[in-house]
C-alpha atoms as a PDB file:
ATOM      1  CA  MET A   1      12.340  10.749  29.183  1.00  0.00           C
ATOM      2  CA  THR A   2      12.216   7.746  26.159  1.00  0.00           C
ATOM      3  CA  ALA A   3      14.193   8.463  23.430  1.00  0.00           C
ATOM      4  CA  LEU A   4      12.187   9.713  20.326  1.00  0.00           C
ATOM      5  CA  ILE A   5      12.078   7.206  16.956  1.00  0.00           C
ATOM      6  CA  ARG A   6      14.645   8.483  14.489  1.00  0.00           C
ATOM      7  CA  VAL A   7      13.528   8.080  11.353  1.00  0.00           C
ATOM      8  CA  GLY A   8      14.872   8.210   7.655  1.00  0.00           C
ATOM      9  CA  ILE A   9      13.083   8.330   4.533  1.00  0.00           C
ATOM     10  CA  ALA A  10      14.324   6.907   1.069  1.00  0.00           C
ATOM     11  CA  GLY A  11      12.169   8.485  -1.763  1.00  0.00           C
ATOM     12  CA  TYR A  12       9.991  11.403  -1.558  1.00  0.00           C
ATOM     13  CA  GLY A  13       7.585  10.865  -4.132  1.00  0.00           C
ATOM     14  CA  ASN A  14       3.610  11.031  -3.241  1.00  0.00           C
ATOM     15  CA  LEU A  15       3.900   7.914  -0.873  1.00  0.00           C
ATOM     16  CA  GLY A  16       7.725   9.854   0.645  1.00  0.00           C
ATOM     17  CA  ARG A  17       5.256  12.968   1.070  1.00  0.00           C
ATOM     18  CA  GLY A  18       2.770  10.392   3.054  1.00  0.00           C
ATOM     19  CA  VAL A  19       5.174   9.058   6.085  1.00  0.00           C
ATOM     20  CA  GLU A  20       7.003  12.726   6.254  1.00  0.00           C
ATOM     21  CA  ALA A  21       2.821  13.616   7.446  1.00  0.00           C
ATOM     22  CA  ALA A  22       2.493  10.628   9.526  1.00  0.00           C
ATOM     23  CA  ILE A  23       5.786  11.014  11.463  1.00  0.00           C
ATOM     24  CA  GLN A  24       4.640  14.137  12.366  1.00  0.00           C
ATOM     25  CA  GLN A  25       1.287  13.217  13.805  1.00  0.00           C
ATOM     26  CA  ASN A  26       3.502  10.366  16.490  1.00  0.00           C
ATOM     27  CA  SER A  27       4.919  12.169  19.234  1.00  0.00           C
ATOM     28  CA  ASP A  28       7.325   9.230  20.012  1.00  0.00           C
ATOM     29  CA  MET A  29       9.088   9.794  16.116  1.00  0.00           C
ATOM     30  CA  GLN A  30      10.907  12.309  14.309  1.00  0.00           C
ATOM     31  CA  LEU A  31      11.965  12.436  10.995  1.00  0.00           C
ATOM     32  CA  VAL A  32      15.875  12.829  10.405  1.00  0.00           C
ATOM     33  CA  ALA A  33      16.469  12.479   7.071  1.00  0.00           C
ATOM     34  CA  VAL A  34      15.324  12.159   3.365  1.00  0.00           C
ATOM     35  CA  PHE A  35      17.473  10.570   0.835  1.00  0.00           C
ATOM     36  CA  SER A  36      16.419  11.124  -2.416  1.00  0.00           C
ATOM     37  CA  ARG A  37      17.158  10.057  -6.085  1.00  0.00           C
ATOM     38  CA  ARG A  38      16.197  13.882  -7.150  1.00  0.00           C
ATOM     39  CA  GLU A  39      18.819  17.007  -6.630  1.00  0.00           C
ATOM     40  CA  PRO A  40      18.319  17.642  -3.056  1.00  0.00           C
ATOM     41  CA  THR A  41      17.888  21.130  -3.960  1.00  0.00           C
ATOM     42  CA  SER A  42      14.803  20.680  -5.692  1.00  0.00           C
ATOM     43  CA  VAL A  43      12.938  18.589  -2.712  1.00  0.00           C
ATOM     44  CA  THR A  44      10.309  20.357  -0.406  1.00  0.00           C
ATOM     45  CA  LEU A  45       9.594  19.484   2.306  1.00  0.00           C
ATOM     46  CA  LEU A  46       6.528  19.794   4.522  1.00  0.00           C
ATOM     47  CA  ASN A  47       9.001  20.501   7.167  1.00  0.00           C
ATOM     48  CA  ALA A  48      11.827  22.340   5.804  1.00  0.00           C
ATOM     49  CA  GLU A  49      14.073  22.231   8.658  1.00  0.00           C
ATOM     50  CA  VAL A  50      14.788  18.410   8.041  1.00  0.00           C
ATOM     51  CA  PRO A  51      18.075  17.752   5.439  1.00  0.00           C
ATOM     52  CA  VAL A  52      17.506  16.071   2.501  1.00  0.00           C
ATOM     53  CA  TYR A  53      20.390  14.133   0.720  1.00  0.00           C
ATOM     54  CA  ALA A  54      21.462  12.362  -1.985  1.00  0.00           C
ATOM     55  CA  MET A  55      20.968   8.552  -2.390  1.00  0.00           C
ATOM     56  CA  ALA A  56      23.612   8.418  -3.421  1.00  0.00           C
ATOM     57  CA  GLU A  57      24.879   9.727   0.456  1.00  0.00           C
ATOM     58  CA  VAL A  58      22.937   7.702   2.253  1.00  0.00           C
ATOM     59  CA  GLU A  59      25.144   4.982   4.107  1.00  0.00           C
ATOM     60  CA  GLN A  60      26.832   7.300   5.742  1.00  0.00           C
ATOM     61  CA  HIS A  61      23.814   8.226   7.452  1.00  0.00           C
ATOM     62  CA  GLN A  62      24.136   4.657   9.084  1.00  0.00           C
ATOM     63  CA  ALA A  63      24.298   6.014  12.848  1.00  0.00           C
ATOM     64  CA  ASN A  64      21.725   8.799  12.820  1.00  0.00           C
ATOM     65  CA  ILE A  65      18.965   6.610  11.898  1.00  0.00           C
ATOM     66  CA  ASP A  66      16.690   3.850  13.716  1.00  0.00           C
ATOM     67  CA  VAL A  67      14.198   2.716  10.601  1.00  0.00           C
ATOM     68  CA  MET A  68      14.446   3.736   6.952  1.00  0.00           C
ATOM     69  CA  ILE A  69      11.188   3.273   5.337  1.00  0.00           C
ATOM     70  CA  LEU A  70      11.557   2.675   1.825  1.00  0.00           C
ATOM     71  CA  CYS A  71       9.076   4.736  -0.411  1.00  0.00           C
ATOM     72  CA  GLY A  72       9.526   3.679  -4.035  1.00  0.00           C
ATOM     73  CA  GLY A  73       8.071   1.727  -5.915  1.00  0.00           C
ATOM     74  CA  SER A  74       7.917  -2.107  -6.416  1.00  0.00           C
ATOM     75  CA  LYS A  75       8.800  -2.927  -9.956  1.00  0.00           C
ATOM     76  CA  THR A  76      12.244  -1.585  -9.761  1.00  0.00           C
ATOM     77  CA  ASP A  77      13.122   0.755  -6.993  1.00  0.00           C
ATOM     78  CA  LEU A  78      12.147  -1.931  -4.412  1.00  0.00           C
ATOM     79  CA  PRO A  79      13.841  -5.552  -5.585  1.00  0.00           C
ATOM     80  CA  GLU A  80      17.534  -2.856  -5.917  1.00  0.00           C
ATOM     81  CA  GLN A  81      16.798  -0.867  -3.453  1.00  0.00           C
ATOM     82  CA  GLY A  82      15.471  -3.199  -0.136  1.00  0.00           C
ATOM     83  CA  PRO A  83      18.715  -5.736  -0.228  1.00  0.00           C
ATOM     84  CA  TYR A  84      20.794  -2.812  -0.801  1.00  0.00           C
ATOM     85  CA  LEU A  85      19.083  -0.263   1.880  1.00  0.00           C
ATOM     86  CA  ALA A  86      18.863  -3.630   4.572  1.00  0.00           C
ATOM     87  CA  GLN A  87      23.062  -4.138   4.749  1.00  0.00           C
ATOM     88  CA  PHE A  88      22.786  -0.433   7.399  1.00  0.00           C
ATOM     89  CA  PHE A  89      19.590  -0.062   7.722  1.00  0.00           C
ATOM     90  CA  ASN A  90      16.341  -1.334  10.376  1.00  0.00           C
ATOM     91  CA  THR A  91      14.053  -1.479   6.797  1.00  0.00           C
ATOM     92  CA  VAL A  92      10.202  -0.652   5.822  1.00  0.00           C
ATOM     93  CA  ASP A  93       8.775  -1.151   2.816  1.00  0.00           C
ATOM     94  CA  SER A  94       5.496  -1.461   1.140  1.00  0.00           C
ATOM     95  CA  PHE A  95       6.364  -3.919  -1.823  1.00  0.00           C
ATOM     96  CA  ASP A  96       3.199  -5.211  -3.349  1.00  0.00           C
ATOM     97  CA  THR A  97       3.953  -7.961  -6.195  1.00  0.00           C
ATOM     98  CA  HIS A  98       1.645 -10.554  -4.164  1.00  0.00           C
ATOM     99  CA  ALA A  99       3.407 -13.454  -6.548  1.00  0.00           C
ATOM    100  CA  LYS A 100       7.376 -11.951  -5.966  1.00  0.00           C
ATOM    101  CA  VAL A 101       7.139 -11.807  -2.537  1.00  0.00           C
ATOM    102  CA  ASN A 102       8.524 -15.053  -1.513  1.00  0.00           C
ATOM    103  CA  GLU A 103      11.186 -14.256  -3.724  1.00  0.00           C
ATOM    104  CA  TYR A 104      11.816 -10.954  -2.017  1.00  0.00           C
ATOM    105  CA  HIS A 105      11.868 -12.104   1.346  1.00  0.00           C
ATOM    106  CA  ALA A 106      14.619 -14.135   0.578  1.00  0.00           C
ATOM    107  CA  ALA A 107      17.013 -11.262  -0.856  1.00  0.00           C
ATOM    108  CA  LEU A 108      15.956  -9.055   2.512  1.00  0.00           C
ATOM    109  CA  ASP A 109      16.885 -11.963   4.667  1.00  0.00           C
ATOM    110  CA  THR A 110      19.968 -12.500   3.261  1.00  0.00           C
ATOM    111  CA  PRO A 111      21.514  -9.478   4.330  1.00  0.00           C
ATOM    112  CA  ALA A 112      19.138  -8.397   7.231  1.00  0.00           C
ATOM    113  CA  LYS A 113      20.727 -11.087   9.362  1.00  0.00           C
ATOM    114  CA  LYS A 114      24.217 -10.633   8.047  1.00  0.00           C
ATOM    115  CA  THR A 115      24.785  -7.404   9.161  1.00  0.00           C
ATOM    116  CA  GLY A 116      22.237  -7.477  11.769  1.00  0.00           C
ATOM    117  CA  HIS A 117      18.852  -5.707  10.658  1.00  0.00           C
ATOM    118  CA  VAL A 118      15.772  -6.006  10.448  1.00  0.00           C
ATOM    119  CA  ALA A 119      13.565  -5.777   7.309  1.00  0.00           C
ATOM    120  CA  LEU A 120       9.910  -6.052   7.475  1.00  0.00           C
ATOM    121  CA  LEU A 121       8.349  -6.075   3.797  1.00  0.00           C
ATOM    122  CA  SER A 122       4.902  -5.570   2.010  1.00  0.00           C
ATOM    123  CA  VAL A 123       3.980  -3.069   4.622  1.00  0.00           C
ATOM    124  CA  GLY A 124       0.395  -1.578   3.555  1.00  0.00           C
ATOM    125  CA  TRP A 125      -3.025  -2.480   3.302  1.00  0.00           C
ATOM    126  CA  ASP A 126      -2.630  -4.714   0.681  1.00  0.00           C
ATOM    127  CA  PRO A 127      -1.086  -6.839   1.286  1.00  0.00           C
ATOM    128  CA  GLY A 128      -0.924  -5.553   4.954  1.00  0.00           C
ATOM    129  CA  LEU A 129      -3.507  -5.301   6.876  1.00  0.00           C
ATOM    130  CA  PHE A 130      -5.839  -6.912   4.441  1.00  0.00           C
ATOM    131  CA  SER A 131      -3.858 -10.362   4.320  1.00  0.00           C
ATOM    132  CA  LEU A 132      -4.017 -10.134   7.797  1.00  0.00           C
ATOM    133  CA  ASN A 133      -7.630 -10.538   7.666  1.00  0.00           C
ATOM    134  CA  ARG A 134      -7.557 -12.866   5.423  1.00  0.00           C
ATOM    135  CA  LEU A 135      -5.311 -14.962   7.860  1.00  0.00           C
ATOM    136  CA  PHE A 136      -8.139 -13.896  10.530  1.00  0.00           C
ATOM    137  CA  GLY A 137     -10.866 -14.807   8.612  1.00  0.00           C
ATOM    138  CA  GLU A 138      -9.347 -18.643   7.354  1.00  0.00           C
ATOM    139  CA  ALA A 139      -8.017 -19.386  10.854  1.00  0.00           C
ATOM    140  CA  ILE A 140     -11.273 -19.152  12.250  1.00  0.00           C
ATOM    141  CA  LEU A 141     -14.008 -19.969   9.591  1.00  0.00           C
ATOM    142  CA  PRO A 142     -11.526 -23.101   7.932  1.00  0.00           C
ATOM    143  CA  GLN A 143     -14.525 -23.927   6.275  1.00  0.00           C
ATOM    144  CA  GLY A 144     -15.495 -20.975   3.484  1.00  0.00           C
ATOM    145  CA  GLU A 145     -13.988 -19.138   1.581  1.00  0.00           C
ATOM    146  CA  THR A 146     -12.323 -15.823   1.492  1.00  0.00           C
ATOM    147  CA  TYR A 147     -13.534 -12.516  -0.969  1.00  0.00           C
ATOM    148  CA  THR A 148     -10.859  -9.464  -1.621  1.00  0.00           C
ATOM    149  CA  PHE A 149     -12.668  -6.620  -2.891  1.00  0.00           C
ATOM    150  CA  TRP A 150     -10.806  -3.578  -3.871  1.00  0.00           C
ATOM    151  CA  GLY A 151     -12.442  -0.157  -4.422  1.00  0.00           C
ATOM    152  CA  LYS A 152     -13.830   2.555  -5.429  1.00  0.00           C
ATOM    153  CA  GLY A 153     -10.292   3.431  -6.226  1.00  0.00           C
ATOM    154  CA  LEU A 154      -8.294   4.877  -8.732  1.00  0.00           C
ATOM    155  CA  SER A 155      -5.616   2.744 -10.161  1.00  0.00           C
ATOM    156  CA  GLN A 156      -2.630   4.087 -11.203  1.00  0.00           C
ATOM    157  CA  GLY A 157      -1.284   1.197 -13.450  1.00  0.00           C
ATOM    158  CA  HIS A 158      -4.089   1.158 -15.515  1.00  0.00           C
ATOM    159  CA  SER A 159      -4.768   5.054 -16.337  1.00  0.00           C
ATOM    160  CA  ASP A 160      -1.017   5.283 -16.717  1.00  0.00           C
ATOM    161  CA  ALA A 161      -2.422   2.296 -19.389  1.00  0.00           C
ATOM    162  CA  VAL A 162      -5.691   4.526 -20.532  1.00  0.00           C
ATOM    163  CA  ARG A 163      -2.815   7.695 -20.629  1.00  0.00           C
ATOM    164  CA  ARG A 164      -0.633   5.968 -23.546  1.00  0.00           C
ATOM    165  CA  VAL A 165      -3.877   5.371 -26.004  1.00  0.00           C
ATOM    166  CA  ALA A 166      -3.639   8.074 -29.140  1.00  0.00           C
ATOM    167  CA  GLY A 167      -6.135  10.338 -29.164  1.00  0.00           C
ATOM    168  CA  VAL A 168      -5.909  10.962 -24.947  1.00  0.00           C
ATOM    169  CA  LYS A 169      -4.737  13.647 -23.298  1.00  0.00           C
ATOM    170  CA  LYS A 170      -5.673  12.880 -19.749  1.00  0.00           C
ATOM    171  CA  ALA A 171      -7.142  10.651 -18.461  1.00  0.00           C
ATOM    172  CA  VAL A 172      -8.292   8.258 -14.668  1.00  0.00           C
ATOM    173  CA  GLN A 173      -9.745   4.740 -14.117  1.00  0.00           C
ATOM    174  CA  TYR A 174     -11.475   3.546 -11.294  1.00  0.00           C
ATOM    175  CA  THR A 175     -12.339   0.118  -9.943  1.00  0.00           C
ATOM    176  CA  LEU A 176     -15.213  -0.338  -8.802  1.00  0.00           C
ATOM    177  CA  PRO A 177     -16.087  -3.135  -6.713  1.00  0.00           C
ATOM    178  CA  ASN A 178     -19.901  -5.379  -8.428  1.00  0.00           C
ATOM    179  CA  ALA A 179     -22.412  -4.583  -5.521  1.00  0.00           C
ATOM    180  CA  ASP A 180     -24.550  -7.696  -6.563  1.00  0.00           C
ATOM    181  CA  ALA A 181     -20.974 -10.313  -6.122  1.00  0.00           C
ATOM    182  CA  ILE A 182     -20.525  -8.331  -2.669  1.00  0.00           C
ATOM    183  CA  ALA A 183     -24.099  -8.403  -1.630  1.00  0.00           C
ATOM    184  CA  ARG A 184     -23.950 -12.668  -2.970  1.00  0.00           C
ATOM    185  CA  VAL A 185     -20.805 -13.233  -0.462  1.00  0.00           C
ATOM    186  CA  ARG A 186     -22.434 -11.286   2.481  1.00  0.00           C
ATOM    187  CA  ASN A 187     -25.584 -13.158   2.348  1.00  0.00           C
ATOM    188  CA  GLY A 188     -23.174 -16.690   2.517  1.00  0.00           C
ATOM    189  CA  GLU A 189     -23.678 -18.049  -0.659  1.00  0.00           C
ATOM    190  CA  GLN A 190     -19.997 -18.410  -1.533  1.00  0.00           C
ATOM    191  CA  PRO A 191     -20.408 -17.799  -5.237  1.00  0.00           C
ATOM    192  CA  VAL A 192     -17.756 -18.760  -7.293  1.00  0.00           C
ATOM    193  CA  LEU A 193     -16.591 -15.604  -9.656  1.00  0.00           C
ATOM    194  CA  SER A 194     -15.443 -15.055 -12.211  1.00  0.00           C
ATOM    195  CA  THR A 195     -12.954 -11.208 -12.366  1.00  0.00           C
ATOM    196  CA  ARG A 196     -15.784 -10.328 -14.751  1.00  0.00           C
ATOM    197  CA  GLU A 197     -18.060 -10.500 -11.997  1.00  0.00           C
ATOM    198  CA  LYS A 198     -16.211  -9.088  -8.860  1.00  0.00           C
ATOM    199  CA  HIS A 199     -15.128  -5.337 -10.162  1.00  0.00           C
ATOM    200  CA  ASN A 200     -15.957  -3.048 -13.094  1.00  0.00           C
ATOM    201  CA  ARG A 201     -13.777  -1.014 -15.072  1.00  0.00           C
ATOM    202  CA  GLU A 202     -14.621   3.539 -15.137  1.00  0.00           C
ATOM    203  CA  CYS A 203     -12.815   5.594 -16.693  1.00  0.00           C
ATOM    204  CA  TYR A 204     -12.845   9.697 -17.177  1.00  0.00           C
ATOM    205  CA  VAL A 205     -10.987  10.729 -20.404  1.00  0.00           C
ATOM    206  CA  VAL A 206     -10.385  14.098 -22.173  1.00  0.00           C
ATOM    207  CA  LEU A 207      -9.822  13.531 -25.351  1.00  0.00           C
ATOM    208  CA  SER A 208      -6.557  15.500 -27.302  1.00  0.00           C
ATOM    209  CA  GLN A 209      -8.195  17.620 -29.995  1.00  0.00           C
ATOM    210  CA  GLY A 210      -9.276  16.325 -33.346  1.00  0.00           C
ATOM    211  CA  ALA A 211      -9.376  13.035 -31.409  1.00  0.00           C
ATOM    212  CA  ASP A 212     -12.486  10.430 -32.106  1.00  0.00           C
ATOM    213  CA  ALA A 213     -14.667   9.343 -28.879  1.00  0.00           C
ATOM    214  CA  GLU A 214     -15.222   6.280 -30.674  1.00  0.00           C
ATOM    215  CA  THR A 215     -12.425   4.862 -31.547  1.00  0.00           C
ATOM    216  CA  VAL A 216     -10.614   6.376 -27.985  1.00  0.00           C
ATOM    217  CA  CYS A 217     -13.167   4.033 -26.239  1.00  0.00           C
ATOM    218  CA  ASN A 218     -12.973   1.106 -28.242  1.00  0.00           C
ATOM    219  CA  SER A 219      -8.787   0.505 -28.057  1.00  0.00           C
ATOM    220  CA  ILE A 220      -9.681   1.530 -23.487  1.00  0.00           C
ATOM    221  CA  VAL A 221     -12.179  -1.642 -23.344  1.00  0.00           C
ATOM    222  CA  THR A 222     -10.691  -4.071 -25.341  1.00  0.00           C
ATOM    223  CA  MET A 223      -7.318  -3.735 -24.156  1.00  0.00           C
ATOM    224  CA  PRO A 224      -5.934  -7.035 -23.599  1.00  0.00           C
ATOM    225  CA  ASP A 225      -5.064  -7.486 -19.253  1.00  0.00           C
ATOM    226  CA  TYR A 226      -6.191  -4.384 -18.146  1.00  0.00           C
ATOM    227  CA  PHE A 227      -9.877  -4.130 -19.739  1.00  0.00           C
ATOM    228  CA  ALA A 228     -10.936  -6.956 -21.865  1.00  0.00           C
ATOM    229  CA  ASP A 229     -11.968  -8.971 -19.085  1.00  0.00           C
ATOM    230  CA  PHE A 230     -14.302  -5.982 -16.656  1.00  0.00           C
ATOM    231  CA  ASP A 231     -16.657  -4.642 -18.143  1.00  0.00           C
ATOM    232  CA  THR A 232     -15.623  -0.608 -18.462  1.00  0.00           C
ATOM    233  CA  VAL A 233     -17.434   2.848 -19.268  1.00  0.00           C
ATOM    234  CA  VAL A 234     -15.961   5.177 -20.869  1.00  0.00           C
ATOM    235  CA  ASN A 235     -16.508   8.575 -19.531  1.00  0.00           C
ATOM    236  CA  PHE A 236     -15.307  11.911 -21.300  1.00  0.00           C
ATOM    237  CA  ILE A 237     -15.317  14.618 -19.959  1.00  0.00           C
ATOM    238  CA  ASP A 238     -14.003  18.488 -20.647  1.00  0.00           C
ATOM    239  CA  GLU A 239     -10.767  19.180 -19.341  1.00  0.00           C
ATOM    240  CA  THR A 240     -11.765  22.014 -16.419  1.00  0.00           C
ATOM    241  CA  THR A 241     -13.932  18.960 -14.642  1.00  0.00           C
ATOM    242  CA  PHE A 242     -11.467  16.451 -15.264  1.00  0.00           C
ATOM    243  CA  ASP A 243      -8.496  19.141 -13.072  1.00  0.00           C
ATOM    244  CA  LYS A 244     -11.481  19.647 -10.219  1.00  0.00           C
ATOM    245  CA  GLU A 245     -13.010  16.027  -9.790  1.00  0.00           C
ATOM    246  CA  HIS A 246      -9.901  13.704 -10.142  1.00  0.00           C
ATOM    247  CA  ASN A 247      -7.072  15.020  -9.152  1.00  0.00           C
ATOM    248  CA  ASN A 248      -7.507  12.897  -5.706  1.00  0.00           C
ATOM    249  CA  MET A 249      -6.099   9.456  -4.714  1.00  0.00           C
ATOM    250  CA  PRO A 250      -9.027   7.490  -3.346  1.00  0.00           C
ATOM    251  CA  HIS A 251      -9.280   4.071  -2.709  1.00  0.00           C
ATOM    252  CA  GLY A 252     -10.991   1.354  -0.777  1.00  0.00           C
ATOM    253  CA  GLY A 253     -11.981  -2.451  -0.121  1.00  0.00           C
ATOM    254  CA  PHE A 254     -13.231  -5.735   1.498  1.00  0.00           C
ATOM    255  CA  VAL A 255     -12.113  -8.882   2.767  1.00  0.00           C
ATOM    256  CA  ILE A 256     -14.412 -10.890   3.826  1.00  0.00           C
ATOM    257  CA  ARG A 257     -14.781 -14.487   4.377  1.00  0.00           C
ATOM    258  CA  SER A 258     -17.805 -16.594   5.047  1.00  0.00           C
ATOM    259  CA  GLY A 259     -18.516 -19.312   6.277  1.00  0.00           C
ATOM    260  CA  VAL A 260     -19.568 -22.369   8.813  1.00  0.00           C
ATOM    261  CA  SER A 261     -19.252 -22.796  12.236  1.00  0.00           C
ATOM    262  CA  GLY A 262     -19.993 -26.804  14.115  1.00  0.00           C
ATOM    263  CA  THR A 263     -23.074 -27.989  11.606  1.00  0.00           C
ATOM    264  CA  SER A 264     -25.057 -25.197  10.175  1.00  0.00           C
ATOM    265  CA  SER A 265     -24.274 -22.063  11.274  1.00  0.00           C
ATOM    266  CA  LYS A 266     -23.571 -19.362   8.742  1.00  0.00           C
ATOM    267  CA  GLN A 267     -21.025 -16.746  10.040  1.00  0.00           C
ATOM    268  CA  THR A 268     -19.820 -14.197   8.076  1.00  0.00           C
ATOM    269  CA  ILE A 269     -16.256 -11.859   9.126  1.00  0.00           C
ATOM    270  CA  GLU A 270     -16.076  -8.901   7.330  1.00  0.00           C
ATOM    271  CA  TYR A 271     -13.284  -5.814   7.401  1.00  0.00           C
ATOM    272  CA  SER A 272     -13.365  -2.553   4.710  1.00  0.00           C
ATOM    273  CA  LEU A 273     -11.212  -0.037   4.267  1.00  0.00           C
ATOM    274  CA  LYS A 274     -12.392   3.556   2.678  1.00  0.00           C
ATOM    275  CA  LEU A 275      -9.879   6.174   2.318  1.00  0.00           C
ATOM    276  CA  ASP A 276      -9.847   9.959  -0.243  1.00  0.00           C
ATOM    277  CA  SER A 277      -6.311   9.126  -0.125  1.00  0.00           C
ATOM    278  CA  ASN A 278      -4.279   5.965  -0.771  1.00  0.00           C
ATOM    279  CA  PRO A 279      -0.683   7.194  -0.054  1.00  0.00           C
ATOM    280  CA  GLU A 280      -1.412   8.611   3.006  1.00  0.00           C
ATOM    281  CA  PHE A 281      -2.907   6.029   3.871  1.00  0.00           C
ATOM    282  CA  THR A 282      -0.531   3.195   3.305  1.00  0.00           C
ATOM    283  CA  ALA A 283       2.005   5.532   4.767  1.00  0.00           C
ATOM    284  CA  SER A 284       0.659   5.890   7.601  1.00  0.00           C
ATOM    285  CA  VAL A 285       0.050   1.841   7.932  1.00  0.00           C
ATOM    286  CA  LEU A 286       4.251   2.069   7.494  1.00  0.00           C
ATOM    287  CA  VAL A 287       4.998   4.671   9.859  1.00  0.00           C
ATOM    288  CA  ALA A 288       2.983   2.459  12.407  1.00  0.00           C
ATOM    289  CA  TYR A 289       4.809  -0.713  11.503  1.00  0.00           C
ATOM    290  CA  ALA A 290       8.429   1.399  12.112  1.00  0.00           C
ATOM    291  CA  ARG A 291       7.562   1.655  15.519  1.00  0.00           C
ATOM    292  CA  ALA A 292       6.944  -2.081  15.667  1.00  0.00           C
ATOM    293  CA  VAL A 293      10.276  -1.961  13.544  1.00  0.00           C
ATOM    294  CA  HIS A 294      12.537  -0.836  16.128  1.00  0.00           C
ATOM    295  CA  ARG A 295      11.095  -2.539  18.844  1.00  0.00           C
ATOM    296  CA  LEU A 296      12.194  -5.690  17.725  1.00  0.00           C
ATOM    297  CA  ALA A 297      15.590  -4.373  16.748  1.00  0.00           C
ATOM    298  CA  CYS A 298      15.871  -3.040  20.487  1.00  0.00           C
ATOM    299  CA  ALA A 299      15.144  -7.048  20.909  1.00  0.00           C
ATOM    300  CA  GLY A 300      17.672  -8.682  18.951  1.00  0.00           C
ATOM    301  CA  GLU A 301      15.907  -9.576  16.276  1.00  0.00           C
ATOM    302  CA  VAL A 302      17.150 -10.008  12.796  1.00  0.00           C
ATOM    303  CA  GLY A 303      16.303 -11.067   9.248  1.00  0.00           C
ATOM    304  CA  ALA A 304      13.346 -10.377   6.871  1.00  0.00           C
ATOM    305  CA  LYS A 305       9.838 -10.467   8.628  1.00  0.00           C
ATOM    306  CA  THR A 306       6.057  -9.924   6.859  1.00  0.00           C
ATOM    307  CA  VAL A 307       3.174  -8.475   9.441  1.00  0.00           C
ATOM    308  CA  PHE A 308       2.600 -12.246  10.087  1.00  0.00           C
ATOM    309  CA  ASP A 309       5.467 -11.753  12.263  1.00  0.00           C
ATOM    310  CA  ILE A 310       4.524  -8.566  14.385  1.00  0.00           C
ATOM    311  CA  ALA A 311       2.374  -8.532  16.883  1.00  0.00           C
ATOM    312  CA  PRO A 312      -0.244  -6.075  17.487  1.00  0.00           C
ATOM    313  CA  GLY A 313       1.142  -4.474  20.395  1.00  0.00           C
ATOM    314  CA  LEU A 314       4.282  -3.265  19.320  1.00  0.00           C
ATOM    315  CA  LEU A 315       2.353  -0.754  16.819  1.00  0.00           C
ATOM    316  CA  SER A 316       0.920   1.177  19.407  1.00  0.00           C
ATOM    317  CA  PRO A 317       2.846   3.369  21.115  1.00  0.00           C
ATOM    318  CA  LYS A 318       0.989   2.678  24.319  1.00  0.00           C
ATOM    319  CA  SER A 319       2.120   0.272  26.840  1.00  0.00           C
ATOM    320  CA  PRO A 320       1.074  -3.033  27.520  1.00  0.00           C
ATOM    321  CA  ALA A 321      -0.704  -2.554  30.854  1.00  0.00           C
ATOM    322  CA  GLN A 322      -2.408   0.968  29.203  1.00  0.00           C
ATOM    323  CA  LEU A 323      -3.515  -1.032  26.217  1.00  0.00           C
ATOM    324  CA  ARG A 324      -4.711  -4.018  28.541  1.00  0.00           C
ATOM    325  CA  LYS A 325      -7.051  -1.724  30.204  1.00  0.00           C
ATOM    326  CA  GLU A 326      -8.460   0.556  27.259  1.00  0.00           C
ATOM    327  CA  LEU A 327      -8.551  -1.520  24.300  1.00  0.00           C
ATOM    328  CA  LEU A 328      -8.596  -5.240  25.660  1.00  0.00           C
END
């Protein structure tokens, strides 16, 4: 019987919890440890039998973990944790700061190569699955344009920005792709779209006692870098409705390649996602790619990798013969 892939989780928030749940759905994997910066006794897992350790103890567990899945944030956690943990483990993470991917790749590549590990970065649905579909579109239809639309989905960063506005008690913000823009792209028009034309923003806000709705609304829609460049709708609701209807984390989006083949044949490639839970889906992608990382490491591969470097068959627990028979 083939040995189970032993997985560790570094960081246990929404994403870490999603990874634990995803591992339970994969019979060739076993969660052996969770590492947290919080007091270990304060961390409650879905499976109480899995031990929780302090992050400071992580180096002591190198021999027991085949792949470490990093579940920290891209802004401050992963730039430090990624290169550090790549010294001791094969790793997978969901680093999503697109503008700094090459910089982060270089930071992982050196320690991973030095210590003989594989460090897979920027795994999720964007970057990750959407990245692959952008690549497929460009390679297959070189004469064309690629469009990425996000939503309808809850944006954690923009929601946090709204909550910081004076007079706001609770708030969430959803990014909505513009239906007219998507229709034009699907129709093969290849339009040049501004930021405002591609997405709208919708906020649901619970006011603090005594706050003025008009003042709060104006503060939100004029906020630079977040809302000023978008058509933004602010909905004021009561706290009971907010707690009932806005506690989930849905998301999704589309990647569309619109192009021509031959001389004038219009061709469109489209990939879409509709997600009830953004962190749970991202976690599921991480777990599938953890399998690939383990296989690459067993084959002697080292260094930093992205989804562009991973053969699709490595994601599946099925054998190459099964895949050819069932899916090809």
